[in-house]
PDB file of N, CA and C in Angstrom:
ATOM      1  N   MET A   1      75.645 131.193 131.663  1.00  0.00           N
ATOM      2  CA  MET A   1      75.079 132.405 132.220  1.00  0.00           C
ATOM      3  C   MET A   1      76.232 133.386 132.491  1.00  0.00           C
ATOM      4  N   SER A   2      76.031 134.647 132.141  1.00  0.00           N
ATOM      5  CA  SER A   2      77.059 135.659 132.341  1.00  0.00           C
ATOM      6  C   SER A   2      77.177 136.034 133.814  1.00  0.00           C
ATOM      7  N   LYS A   3      78.295 136.651 134.174  1.00  0.00           N
ATOM      8  CA  LYS A   3      78.500 137.078 135.562  1.00  0.00           C
ATOM      9  C   LYS A   3      77.437 138.076 135.995  1.00  0.00           C
ATOM     10  N   ILE A   4      77.037 138.969 135.096  1.00  0.00           N
ATOM     11  CA  ILE A   4      76.034 139.956 135.484  1.00  0.00           C
ATOM     12  C   ILE A   4      74.670 139.300 135.703  1.00  0.00           C
ATOM     13  N   SER A   5      74.328 138.303 134.891  1.00  0.00           N
ATOM     14  CA  SER A   5      73.039 137.635 135.124  1.00  0.00           C
ATOM     15  C   SER A   5      73.094 136.798 136.403  1.00  0.00           C
ATOM     16  N   GLU A   6      74.255 136.214 136.718  1.00  0.00           N
ATOM     17  CA  GLU A   6      74.415 135.501 137.982  1.00  0.00           C
ATOM     18  C   GLU A   6      74.265 136.473 139.158  1.00  0.00           C
ATOM     19  N   PHE A   7      74.871 137.664 139.036  1.00  0.00           N
ATOM     20  CA  PHE A   7      74.768 138.672 140.094  1.00  0.00           C
ATOM     21  C   PHE A   7      73.331 139.143 140.246  1.00  0.00           C
ATOM     22  N   TYR A   8      72.661 139.399 139.144  1.00  0.00           N
ATOM     23  CA  TYR A   8      71.269 139.850 139.217  1.00  0.00           C
ATOM     24  C   TYR A   8      70.410 138.794 139.913  1.00  0.00           C
ATOM     25  N   ALA A   9      70.632 137.529 139.598  1.00  0.00           N
ATOM     26  CA  ALA A   9      69.882 136.453 140.250  1.00  0.00           C
ATOM     27  C   ALA A   9      70.173 136.443 141.752  1.00  0.00           C
ATOM     28  N   LYS A  10      71.427 136.662 142.128  1.00  0.00           N
ATOM     29  CA  LYS A  10      71.804 136.713 143.545  1.00  0.00           C
ATOM     30  C   LYS A  10      71.116 137.890 144.234  1.00  0.00           C
ATOM     31  N   VAL A  11      71.103 139.060 143.587  1.00  0.00           N
ATOM     32  CA  VAL A  11      70.464 140.249 144.155  1.00  0.00           C
ATOM     33  C   VAL A  11      68.984 139.992 144.392  1.00  0.00           C
ATOM     34  N   SER A  12      68.332 139.319 143.458  1.00  0.00           N
ATOM     35  CA  SER A  12      66.893 139.084 143.596  1.00  0.00           C
ATOM     36  C   SER A  12      66.561 138.169 144.770  1.00  0.00           C
ATOM     37  N   GLU A  13      67.553 137.408 145.268  1.00  0.00           N
ATOM     38  CA  GLU A  13      67.335 136.476 146.377  1.00  0.00           C
ATOM     39  C   GLU A  13      67.855 136.983 147.717  1.00  0.00           C
ATOM     40  N   ASP A  14      68.675 138.036 147.713  1.00  0.00           N
ATOM     41  CA  ASP A  14      69.405 138.455 148.911  1.00  0.00           C
ATOM     42  C   ASP A  14      68.965 139.853 149.350  1.00  0.00           C
ATOM     43  N   ALA A  15      68.172 139.930 150.408  1.00  0.00           N
ATOM     44  CA  ALA A  15      67.619 141.207 150.874  1.00  0.00           C
ATOM     45  C   ALA A  15      68.706 142.195 151.278  1.00  0.00           C
ATOM     46  N   ALA A  16      69.758 141.733 151.927  1.00  0.00           N
ATOM     47  CA  ALA A  16      70.840 142.630 152.350  1.00  0.00           C
ATOM     48  C   ALA A  16      71.559 143.216 151.139  1.00  0.00           C
ATOM     49  N   LEU A  17      71.776 142.398 150.127  1.00  0.00           N
ATOM     50  CA  LEU A  17      72.428 142.869 148.909  1.00  0.00           C
ATOM     51  C   LEU A  17      71.529 143.863 148.170  1.00  0.00           C
ATOM     52  N   LYS A  18      70.228 143.602 148.161  1.00  0.00           N
ATOM     53  CA  LYS A  18      69.269 144.543 147.571  1.00  0.00           C
ATOM     54  C   LYS A  18      69.386 145.906 148.239  1.00  0.00           C
ATOM     55  N   GLN A  19      69.528 145.912 149.563  1.00  0.00           N
ATOM     56  CA  GLN A  19      69.646 147.169 150.293  1.00  0.00           C
ATOM     57  C   GLN A  19      70.934 147.899 149.925  1.00  0.00           C
ATOM     58  N   GLU A  20      72.019 147.150 149.750  1.00  0.00           N
ATOM     59  CA  GLU A  20      73.278 147.774 149.346  1.00  0.00           C
ATOM     60  C   GLU A  20      73.145 148.407 147.958  1.00  0.00           C
ATOM     61  N   ILE A  21      72.472 147.701 147.052  1.00  0.00           N
ATOM     62  CA  ILE A  21      72.243 148.230 145.706  1.00  0.00           C
ATOM     63  C   ILE A  21      71.359 149.474 145.790  1.00  0.00           C
ATOM     64  N   ALA A  22      70.311 149.410 146.588  1.00  0.00           N
ATOM     65  CA  ALA A  22      69.396 150.544 146.729  1.00  0.00           C
ATOM     66  C   ALA A  22      70.106 151.771 147.284  1.00  0.00           C
ATOM     67  N   ALA A  23      71.085 151.558 148.158  1.00  0.00           N
ATOM     68  CA  ALA A  23      71.844 152.676 148.707  1.00  0.00           C
ATOM     69  C   ALA A  23      72.636 153.391 147.607  1.00  0.00           C
ATOM     70  N   ILE A  24      73.006 152.661 146.580  1.00  0.00           N
ATOM     71  CA  ILE A  24      73.736 153.238 145.447  1.00  0.00           C
ATOM     72  C   ILE A  24      72.784 153.846 144.434  1.00  0.00           C
ATOM     73  N   THR A  25      71.691 153.150 144.149  1.00  0.00           N
ATOM     74  CA  THR A  25      70.822 153.530 143.033  1.00  0.00           C
ATOM     75  C   THR A  25      69.608 154.358 143.422  1.00  0.00           C
ATOM     76  N   GLY A  26      69.233 154.342 144.693  1.00  0.00           N
ATOM     77  CA  GLY A  26      68.003 155.015 145.088  1.00  0.00           C
ATOM     78  C   GLY A  26      66.817 154.289 144.468  1.00  0.00           C
ATOM     79  N   ASP A  27      65.841 155.025 144.008  1.00  0.00           N
ATOM     80  CA  ASP A  27      64.653 154.418 143.402  1.00  0.00           C
ATOM     81  C   ASP A  27      64.718 154.397 141.884  1.00  0.00           C
ATOM     82  N   LYS A  28      65.893 154.621 141.324  1.00  0.00           N
ATOM     83  CA  LYS A  28      66.012 154.698 139.869  1.00  0.00           C
ATOM     84  C   LYS A  28      66.021 153.310 139.233  1.00  0.00           C
ATOM     85  N   VAL A  29      65.449 153.237 138.040  1.00  0.00           N
ATOM     86  CA  VAL A  29      65.566 152.024 137.232  1.00  0.00           C
ATOM     87  C   VAL A  29      66.885 152.105 136.475  1.00  0.00           C
ATOM     88  N   PHE A  30      67.313 150.975 135.927  1.00  0.00           N
ATOM     89  CA  PHE A  30      68.659 150.888 135.363  1.00  0.00           C
ATOM     90  C   PHE A  30      68.959 151.968 134.332  1.00  0.00           C
ATOM     91  N   ASP A  31      68.046 152.208 133.406  1.00  0.00           N
ATOM     92  CA  ASP A  31      68.360 153.161 132.336  1.00  0.00           C
ATOM     93  C   ASP A  31      68.377 154.611 132.821  1.00  0.00           C
ATOM     94  N   GLU A  32      68.036 154.850 134.094  1.00  0.00           N
ATOM     95  CA  GLU A  32      68.118 156.189 134.672  1.00  0.00           C
ATOM     96  C   GLU A  32      69.397 156.379 135.492  1.00  0.00           C
ATOM     97  N   LEU A  33      70.174 155.321 135.670  1.00  0.00           N
ATOM     98  CA  LEU A  33      71.382 155.406 136.489  1.00  0.00           C
ATOM     99  C   LEU A  33      72.503 156.115 135.748  1.00  0.00           C
ATOM    100  N   SER A  34      73.321 156.824 136.500  1.00  0.00           N
ATOM    101  CA  SER A  34      74.512 157.449 135.925  1.00  0.00           C
ATOM    102  C   SER A  34      75.588 156.384 135.744  1.00  0.00           C
ATOM    103  N   ASP A  35      76.568 156.685 134.915  1.00  0.00           N
ATOM    104  CA  ASP A  35      77.685 155.756 134.745  1.00  0.00           C
ATOM    105  C   ASP A  35      78.387 155.519 136.081  1.00  0.00           C
ATOM    106  N   GLU A  36      78.478 156.551 136.911  1.00  0.00           N
ATOM    107  CA  GLU A  36      79.113 156.414 138.229  1.00  0.00           C
ATOM    108  C   GLU A  36      78.335 155.434 139.107  1.00  0.00           C
ATOM    109  N   GLN A  37      77.016 155.506 139.105  1.00  0.00           N
ATOM    110  CA  GLN A  37      76.212 154.569 139.895  1.00  0.00           C
ATOM    111  C   GLN A  37      76.387 153.139 139.377  1.00  0.00           C
ATOM    112  N   ILE A  38      76.388 152.979 138.072  1.00  0.00           N
ATOM    113  CA  ILE A  38      76.584 151.644 137.490  1.00  0.00           C
ATOM    114  C   ILE A  38      77.968 151.119 137.847  1.00  0.00           C
ATOM    115  N   ARG A  39      78.977 151.992 137.796  1.00  0.00           N
ATOM    116  CA  ARG A  39      80.340 151.596 138.153  1.00  0.00           C
ATOM    117  C   ARG A  39      80.397 151.147 139.616  1.00  0.00           C
ATOM    118  N   ARG A  40      79.699 151.856 140.506  1.00  0.00           N
ATOM    119  CA  ARG A  40      79.687 151.492 141.925  1.00  0.00           C
ATOM    120  C   ARG A  40      78.996 150.142 142.147  1.00  0.00           C
ATOM    121  N   VAL A  41      77.909 149.898 141.412  1.00  0.00           N
ATOM    122  CA  VAL A  41      77.241 148.594 141.489  1.00  0.00           C
ATOM    123  C   VAL A  41      78.189 147.507 140.987  1.00  0.00           C
ATOM    124  N   SER A  42      78.893 147.802 139.903  1.00  0.00           N
ATOM    125  CA  SER A  42      79.861 146.860 139.340  1.00  0.00           C
ATOM    126  C   SER A  42      80.962 146.535 140.351  1.00  0.00           C
ATOM    127  N   GLU A  43      81.446 147.549 141.069  1.00  0.00           N
ATOM    128  CA  GLU A  43      82.473 147.327 142.095  1.00  0.00           C
ATOM    129  C   GLU A  43      81.936 146.456 143.233  1.00  0.00           C
ATOM    130  N   LEU A  44      80.689 146.707 143.632  1.00  0.00           N
ATOM    131  CA  LEU A  44      80.059 145.874 144.663  1.00  0.00           C
ATOM    132  C   LEU A  44      79.966 144.429 144.175  1.00  0.00           C
ATOM    133  N   ALA A  45      79.525 144.258 142.943  1.00  0.00           N
ATOM    134  CA  ALA A  45      79.414 142.912 142.373  1.00  0.00           C
ATOM    135  C   ALA A  45      80.783 142.227 142.351  1.00  0.00           C
ATOM    136  N   LYS A  46      81.800 142.978 141.935  1.00  0.00           N
ATOM    137  CA  LYS A  46      83.151 142.410 141.863  1.00  0.00           C
ATOM    138  C   LYS A  46      83.619 141.959 143.238  1.00  0.00           C
ATOM    139  N   SER A  47      83.276 142.729 144.277  1.00  0.00           N
ATOM    140  CA  SER A  47      83.681 142.357 145.638  1.00  0.00           C
ATOM    141  C   SER A  47      83.005 141.063 146.091  1.00  0.00           C
ATOM    142  N   ARG A  48      81.937 140.683 145.413  1.00  0.00           N
ATOM    143  CA  ARG A  48      81.209 139.449 145.722  1.00  0.00           C
ATOM    144  C   ARG A  48      81.520 138.330 144.728  1.00  0.00           C
ATOM    145  N   GLY A  49      82.505 138.574 143.830  1.00  0.00           N
ATOM    146  CA  GLY A  49      82.914 137.533 142.884  1.00  0.00           C
ATOM    147  C   GLY A  49      82.210 137.556 141.545  1.00  0.00           C
ATOM    148  N   TYR A  50      81.512 138.659 141.237  1.00  0.00           N
ATOM    149  CA  TYR A  50      80.782 138.783 139.975  1.00  0.00           C
ATOM    150  C   TYR A  50      81.343 139.969 139.191  1.00  0.00           C
ATOM    151  N   ALA A  51      82.440 139.774 138.504  1.00  0.00           N
ATOM    152  CA  ALA A  51      83.094 140.867 137.796  1.00  0.00           C
ATOM    153  C   ALA A  51      82.471 141.097 136.421  1.00  0.00           C
ATOM    154  N   PHE A  52      82.100 142.359 136.156  1.00  0.00           N
ATOM    155  CA  PHE A  52      81.629 142.766 134.833  1.00  0.00           C
ATOM    156  C   PHE A  52      81.918 144.245 134.661  1.00  0.00           C
ATOM    157  N   THR A  53      81.973 144.675 133.418  1.00  0.00           N
ATOM    158  CA  THR A  53      82.307 146.059 133.112  1.00  0.00           C
ATOM    159  C   THR A  53      81.051 146.918 133.013  1.00  0.00           C
ATOM    160  N   LEU A  54      81.261 148.218 132.980  1.00  0.00           N
ATOM    161  CA  LEU A  54      80.173 149.170 132.774  1.00  0.00           C
ATOM    162  C   LEU A  54      79.452 148.862 131.465  1.00  0.00           C
ATOM    163  N   GLU A  55      80.217 148.590 130.424  1.00  0.00           N
ATOM    164  CA  GLU A  55      79.624 148.299 129.110  1.00  0.00           C
ATOM    165  C   GLU A  55      78.813 147.010 129.138  1.00  0.00           C
ATOM    166  N   GLU A  56      79.314 145.998 129.837  1.00  0.00           N
ATOM    167  CA  GLU A  56      78.562 144.741 129.954  1.00  0.00           C
ATOM    168  C   GLU A  56      77.248 144.964 130.703  1.00  0.00           C
ATOM    169  N   ALA A  57      77.298 145.775 131.755  1.00  0.00           N
ATOM    170  CA  ALA A  57      76.077 146.065 132.514  1.00  0.00           C
ATOM    171  C   ALA A  57      75.067 146.783 131.637  1.00  0.00           C
ATOM    172  N   LYS A  58      75.532 147.782 130.889  1.00  0.00           N
ATOM    173  CA  LYS A  58      74.620 148.524 130.014  1.00  0.00           C
ATOM    174  C   LYS A  58      74.016 147.613 128.950  1.00  0.00           C
ATOM    175  N   SER A  59      74.837 146.788 128.327  1.00  0.00           N
ATOM    176  CA  SER A  59      74.312 145.933 127.253  1.00  0.00           C
ATOM    177  C   SER A  59      73.450 144.803 127.802  1.00  0.00           C
ATOM    178  N   PHE A  60      73.643 144.416 129.058  1.00  0.00           N
ATOM    179  CA  PHE A  60      72.814 143.381 129.674  1.00  0.00           C
ATOM    180  C   PHE A  60      71.372 143.852 129.792  1.00  0.00           C
ATOM    181  N   PHE A  61      71.178 145.066 130.297  1.00  0.00           N
ATOM    182  CA  PHE A  61      69.828 145.574 130.498  1.00  0.00           C
ATOM    183  C   PHE A  61      69.261 146.300 129.288  1.00  0.00           C
ATOM    184  N   VAL A  62      70.095 147.020 128.557  1.00  0.00           N
ATOM    185  CA  VAL A  62      69.598 147.794 127.422  1.00  0.00           C
ATOM    186  C   VAL A  62      70.570 147.623 126.254  1.00  0.00           C
ATOM    187  N   PRO A  63      70.441 146.534 125.487  1.00  0.00           N
ATOM    188  CA  PRO A  63      71.300 146.331 124.331  1.00  0.00           C
ATOM    189  C   PRO A  63      71.058 147.406 123.265  1.00  0.00           C
ATOM    190  N   ASP A  64      71.898 147.423 122.248  1.00  0.00           N
ATOM    191  CA  ASP A  64      71.822 148.434 121.192  1.00  0.00           C
ATOM    192  C   ASP A  64      70.446 148.550 120.561  1.00  0.00           C
ATOM    193  N   ASP A  65      69.720 147.449 120.474  1.00  0.00           N
ATOM    194  CA  ASP A  65      68.404 147.495 119.825  1.00  0.00           C
ATOM    195  C   ASP A  65      67.290 147.947 120.764  1.00  0.00           C
ATOM    196  N   GLY A  66      67.634 148.256 122.035  1.00  0.00           N
ATOM    197  CA  GLY A  66      66.637 148.747 122.978  1.00  0.00           C
ATOM    198  C   GLY A  66      65.830 147.657 123.660  1.00  0.00           C
ATOM    199  N   GLU A  67      66.025 146.410 123.284  1.00  0.00           N
ATOM    200  CA  GLU A  67      65.329 145.285 123.895  1.00  0.00           C
ATOM    201  C   GLU A  67      66.222 144.671 124.972  1.00  0.00           C
ATOM    202  N   LEU A  68      65.616 143.978 125.920  1.00  0.00           N
ATOM    203  CA  LEU A  68      66.412 143.265 126.906  1.00  0.00           C
ATOM    204  C   LEU A  68      67.194 142.154 126.235  1.00  0.00           C
ATOM    205  N   SER A  69      68.408 141.915 126.734  1.00  0.00           N
ATOM    206  CA  SER A  69      69.204 140.802 126.222  1.00  0.00           C
ATOM    207  C   SER A  69      68.567 139.487 126.667  1.00  0.00           C
ATOM    208  N   LEU A  70      68.966 138.397 126.028  1.00  0.00           N
ATOM    209  CA  LEU A  70      68.448 137.085 126.426  1.00  0.00           C
ATOM    210  C   LEU A  70      68.853 136.761 127.855  1.00  0.00           C
ATOM    211  N   ASP A  71      70.079 137.128 128.254  1.00  0.00           N
ATOM    212  CA  ASP A  71      70.509 136.898 129.632  1.00  0.00           C
ATOM    213  C   ASP A  71      69.639 137.675 130.612  1.00  0.00           C
ATOM    214  N   ALA A  72      69.313 138.927 130.272  1.00  0.00           N
ATOM    215  CA  ALA A  72      68.464 139.732 131.157  1.00  0.00           C
ATOM    216  C   ALA A  72      67.074 139.115 131.262  1.00  0.00           C
ATOM    217  N   LEU A  73      66.548 138.658 130.138  1.00  0.00           N
ATOM    218  CA  LEU A  73      65.237 138.008 130.167  1.00  0.00           C
ATOM    219  C   LEU A  73      65.264 136.745 131.019  1.00  0.00           C
ATOM    220  N   ASP A  74      66.324 135.951 130.859  1.00  0.00           N
ATOM    221  CA  ASP A  74      66.451 134.740 131.669  1.00  0.00           C
ATOM    222  C   ASP A  74      66.534 135.078 133.149  1.00  0.00           C
ATOM    223  N   ALA A  75      67.236 136.159 133.474  1.00  0.00           N
ATOM    224  CA  ALA A  75      67.415 136.539 134.880  1.00  0.00           C
ATOM    225  C   ALA A  75      66.117 137.005 135.515  1.00  0.00           C
ATOM    226  N   VAL A  76      65.242 137.623 134.750  1.00  0.00           N
ATOM    227  CA  VAL A  76      64.009 138.159 135.331  1.00  0.00           C
ATOM    228  C   VAL A  76      62.790 137.295 135.081  1.00  0.00           C
ATOM    229  N   ALA A  77      62.898 136.317 134.188  1.00  0.00           N
ATOM    230  CA  ALA A  77      61.737 135.488 133.846  1.00  0.00           C
ATOM    231  C   ALA A  77      61.301 134.682 135.059  1.00  0.00           C
ATOM    232  N   GLY A  78      60.034 134.820 135.379  1.00  0.00           N
ATOM    233  CA  GLY A  78      59.518 134.086 136.523  1.00  0.00           C
ATOM    234  C   GLY A  78      58.275 133.305 136.182  1.00  0.00           C
ATOM    235  N   GLY A  79      57.935 133.255 134.898  1.00  0.00           N
ATOM    236  CA  GLY A  79      56.766 132.511 134.489  1.00  0.00           C
ATOM    237  C   GLY A  79      55.468 133.271 134.609  1.00  0.00           C
ATOM    238  N   LYS A  80      55.526 134.499 135.068  1.00  0.00           N
ATOM    239  CA  LYS A  80      54.314 135.302 135.191  1.00  0.00           C
ATOM    240  C   LYS A  80      54.141 136.147 133.945  1.00  0.00           C
ATOM    241  N   LYS A  81      52.915 136.504 133.625  1.00  0.00           N
ATOM    242  CA  LYS A  81      52.649 137.216 132.394  1.00  0.00           C
ATOM    243  C   LYS A  81      52.432 138.711 132.578  1.00  0.00           C
ATOM    244  N   GLU A  82      52.465 139.203 133.816  1.00  0.00           N
ATOM    245  CA  GLU A  82      52.243 140.621 133.988  1.00  0.00           C
ATOM    246  C   GLU A  82      53.439 141.418 133.477  1.00  0.00           C
ATOM    247  N   LYS A  83      53.191 142.676 133.184  1.00  0.00           N
ATOM    248  CA  LYS A  83      54.255 143.541 132.701  1.00  0.00           C
ATOM    249  C   LYS A  83      55.181 143.873 133.853  1.00  0.00           C
ATOM    250  N   ARG A  84      56.464 144.014 133.542  1.00  0.00           N
ATOM    251  CA  ARG A  84      57.453 144.291 134.580  1.00  0.00           C
ATOM    252  C   ARG A  84      58.473 145.293 134.088  1.00  0.00           C
ATOM    253  N   LYS A  85      59.008 146.046 134.988  1.00  0.00           N
ATOM    254  CA  LYS A  85      60.124 146.930 134.697  1.00  0.00           C
ATOM    255  C   LYS A  85      61.255 146.508 135.620  1.00  0.00           C
ATOM    256  N   VAL A  86      62.427 146.291 135.074  1.00  0.00           N
ATOM    257  CA  VAL A  86      63.547 145.801 135.850  1.00  0.00           C
ATOM    258  C   VAL A  86      64.384 146.975 136.311  1.00  0.00           C
ATOM    259  N   ASP A  87      64.753 146.960 137.579  1.00  0.00           N
ATOM    260  CA  ASP A  87      65.736 147.931 138.012  1.00  0.00           C
ATOM    261  C   ASP A  87      66.885 147.180 138.646  1.00  0.00           C
ATOM    262  N   CYS A  88      67.916 147.878 138.953  1.00  0.00           N
ATOM    263  CA  CYS A  88      69.127 147.232 139.421  1.00  0.00           C
ATOM    264  C   CYS A  88      68.955 146.575 140.780  1.00  0.00           C
ATOM    265  N   SER A  89      67.970 146.963 141.514  1.00  0.00           N
ATOM    266  CA  SER A  89      67.770 146.377 142.832  1.00  0.00           C
ATOM    267  C   SER A  89      67.024 145.052 142.755  1.00  0.00           C
ATOM    268  N   GLY A  90      66.608 144.674 141.566  1.00  0.00           N
ATOM    269  CA  GLY A  90      65.925 143.403 141.412  1.00  0.00           C
ATOM    270  C   GLY A  90      64.429 143.491 141.598  1.00  0.00           C
ATOM    271  N   SER A  91      63.891 144.689 141.702  1.00  0.00           N
ATOM    272  CA  SER A  91      62.446 144.798 141.862  1.00  0.00           C
ATOM    273  C   SER A  91      61.785 145.025 140.508  1.00  0.00           C
ATOM    274  N   TYR A  92      60.494 144.911 140.489  1.00  0.00           N
ATOM    275  CA  TYR A  92      59.749 145.006 139.245  1.00  0.00           C
ATOM    276  C   TYR A  92      58.642 146.025 139.391  1.00  0.00           C
ATOM    277  N   SER A  93      58.288 146.668 138.251  1.00  0.00           N
ATOM    278  CA  SER A  93      57.145 147.580 138.313  1.00  0.00           C
ATOM    279  C   SER A  93      56.672 148.072 136.954  1.00  0.00           C
ATOM    280  N   GLY A  94      56.353 147.381 136.058  1.00  0.00           N
ATOM    281  CA  GLY A  94      55.622 147.812 134.905  1.00  0.00           C
ATOM    282  C   GLY A  94      55.976 147.754 133.470  1.00  0.00           C
ATOM    283  N   VAL A  95      57.021 147.556 132.785  1.00  0.00           N
ATOM    284  CA  VAL A  95      57.064 147.668 131.338  1.00  0.00           C
ATOM    285  C   VAL A  95      57.531 146.490 130.519  1.00  0.00           C
ATOM    286  N   ILE A  96      58.111 145.527 131.048  1.00  0.00           N
ATOM    287  CA  ILE A  96      58.627 144.412 130.244  1.00  0.00           C
ATOM    288  C   ILE A  96      57.547 143.335 130.174  1.00  0.00           C
ATOM    289  N   THR A  97      57.253 142.881 128.985  1.00  0.00           N
ATOM    290  CA  THR A  97      56.290 141.800 128.877  1.00  0.00           C
ATOM    291  C   THR A  97      57.031 140.550 128.412  1.00  0.00           C
ATOM    292  N   ARG A  98      56.659 139.465 128.951  1.00  0.00           N
ATOM    293  CA  ARG A  98      57.237 138.188 128.558  1.00  0.00           C
ATOM    294  C   ARG A  98      56.389 137.611 127.449  1.00  0.00           C
ATOM    295  N   ARG A  99      57.009 137.287 126.343  1.00  0.00           N
ATOM    296  CA  ARG A  99      56.267 136.763 125.185  1.00  0.00           C
ATOM    297  C   ARG A  99      56.397 135.284 125.067  1.00  0.00           C
TER     298      ARG A  99
END
């Protein structure tokens, strides 16, 4: 598992960390974040032992083909079949379907 998928899993379990991420990202989903916001999230992750680059973060959530990476799918897969949209805070709301 990559450092970013480990961090995402940690964020999904840690309410305080979710709040720190939300303070950086607001209500935006990942593909709406600026490079500066992603860099700040990356710095927060690094301070918690999860080092990854801006490029790794971008390719984790939105690879070149526009589909979620396998690591991103593994990080968000919960066995439910409803559609989901992933944002950096670990919340869900509408567009990703698990096949």
